[in-house]
Amino acid sequence: MKDNLKLKTVAVVDYSAQAELIRTILEDAGINAYIKDNTVGNFMSVLTGGIKIQVESADEEAARKFLAENHGVPDEQFAEENSEESEQ
């Protein structure tokens, strides 16, 4: 991953497999995606706020639209903290 990327969370899930699937879907669409908070395991993800799928801030709108239109990701899986940024 590039240094100093400004990442936005576009989805939050409870399971690693879900996170990998969404990341793969986005990557296949040409949107670089990253998984955050996947190190605590599936059980603990519920306690830590879930596993986050993030994209570069410039791709946030396209990623959300793509997921909503093409893959039925419900709005409740989108991050509630739309302004969340992470520097990696």
Protein backbone atom coordinates (compact mmCIF):
# COMPACT_ATOMS: atom_id res chain seq x y z
CA MET A 1 0.00 0.00 0.00
CA LYS A 2 1.20 3.52 -0.76
CA ASP A 3 2.38 5.78 2.04
CA ASN A 4 0.11 8.60 3.18
CA LEU A 5 -3.04 7.43 1.43
CA LYS A 6 -6.24 9.00 2.61
CA LEU A 7 -8.63 6.08 2.92
CA LYS A 8 -12.39 6.11 3.36
CA THR A 9 -14.41 3.24 4.76
CA VAL A 10 -17.08 2.13 2.29
CA ALA A 11 -18.32 -1.02 4.05
CA VAL A 12 -18.13 -2.68 7.45
CA VAL A 13 -18.67 -6.43 7.88
CA ASP A 14 -18.34 -9.00 10.64
CA TYR A 15 -16.49 -11.78 8.82
CA SER A 16 -13.17 -12.03 7.01
CA ALA A 17 -14.75 -13.86 4.09
CA GLN A 18 -17.24 -11.04 3.55
CA ALA A 19 -14.45 -8.46 3.63
CA GLU A 20 -12.36 -10.42 1.13
CA LEU A 21 -15.34 -10.81 -1.20
CA ILE A 22 -16.10 -7.08 -1.21
CA ARG A 23 -12.41 -6.24 -1.65
CA THR A 24 -12.20 -8.62 -4.60
CA ILE A 25 -15.35 -7.20 -6.19
CA LEU A 26 -13.97 -3.68 -5.95
CA GLU A 27 -10.54 -4.73 -7.26
CA ASP A 28 -12.19 -6.46 -10.22
CA ALA A 29 -13.96 -3.17 -10.97
CA GLY A 30 -10.61 -1.37 -11.01
CA ILE A 31 -10.94 0.23 -7.57
CA ASN A 32 -8.05 -0.35 -5.18
CA ALA A 33 -9.47 -1.61 -1.88
CA TYR A 34 -7.92 -2.38 1.48
CA ILE A 35 -9.08 -4.29 4.54
CA LYS A 36 -8.62 -2.78 7.99
CA ASP A 37 -9.09 -4.35 11.44
CA ASN A 38 -9.00 -7.94 10.20
CA THR A 39 -6.38 -9.05 12.71
CA VAL A 40 -8.66 -9.68 15.68
CA GLY A 41 -10.62 -12.54 14.16
CA ASN A 42 -14.28 -12.97 13.35
CA PHE A 43 -15.55 -13.25 16.92
CA MET A 44 -13.83 -10.10 18.13
CA SER A 45 -14.76 -8.06 15.06
CA VAL A 46 -18.22 -7.49 16.51
CA LEU A 47 -16.69 -5.95 19.63
CA THR A 48 -14.24 -3.77 17.72
CA GLY A 49 -16.74 -2.26 15.28
CA GLY A 50 -16.27 -4.72 12.45
CA ILE A 51 -13.86 -5.30 9.61
CA LYS A 52 -13.59 -2.24 7.40
CA ILE A 53 -13.21 -2.16 3.63
CA GLN A 54 -11.52 1.05 2.59
CA VAL A 55 -10.74 2.78 -0.68
CA GLU A 56 -8.75 5.85 -1.62
CA SER A 57 -10.78 8.98 -0.92
CA ALA A 58 -10.95 9.84 -4.63
CA ASP A 59 -12.67 6.46 -5.29
CA GLU A 60 -15.16 6.57 -2.40
CA GLU A 61 -18.21 7.70 -4.36
CA ALA A 62 -17.54 5.30 -7.24
CA ALA A 63 -17.00 2.38 -4.84
CA ARG A 64 -20.22 3.03 -2.93
CA LYS A 65 -22.21 3.42 -6.14
CA PHE A 66 -20.70 0.29 -7.68
CA LEU A 67 -21.41 -1.84 -4.62
CA ALA A 68 -24.95 -0.55 -4.22
CA GLU A 69 -25.90 -0.93 -7.89
CA ASN A 70 -24.13 -4.13 -8.82
CA HIS A 71 -23.82 -6.25 -5.76
CA GLY A 72 -26.67 -5.40 -3.45
CA VAL A 73 -24.56 -4.31 -0.50
CA PRO A 74 -27.19 -2.86 1.83
CA ASP A 75 -26.76 0.65 3.18
CA GLU A 76 -26.44 -0.64 6.75
CA GLN A 77 -23.15 -2.31 5.77
CA PHE A 78 -21.73 1.03 4.64
CA ALA A 79 -19.67 2.76 7.25
CA GLU A 80 -21.66 5.01 9.51
CA GLU A 81 -18.68 7.30 9.93
CA ASN A 82 -18.55 8.61 6.38
CA SER A 83 -15.86 11.10 7.27
CA GLU A 84 -13.53 8.48 8.79
CA GLU A 85 -10.06 8.84 7.39
CA SER A 86 -7.06 6.66 7.92
CA GLU A 87 -3.49 7.38 6.99
CA GLN A 88 -1.56 4.27 5.98
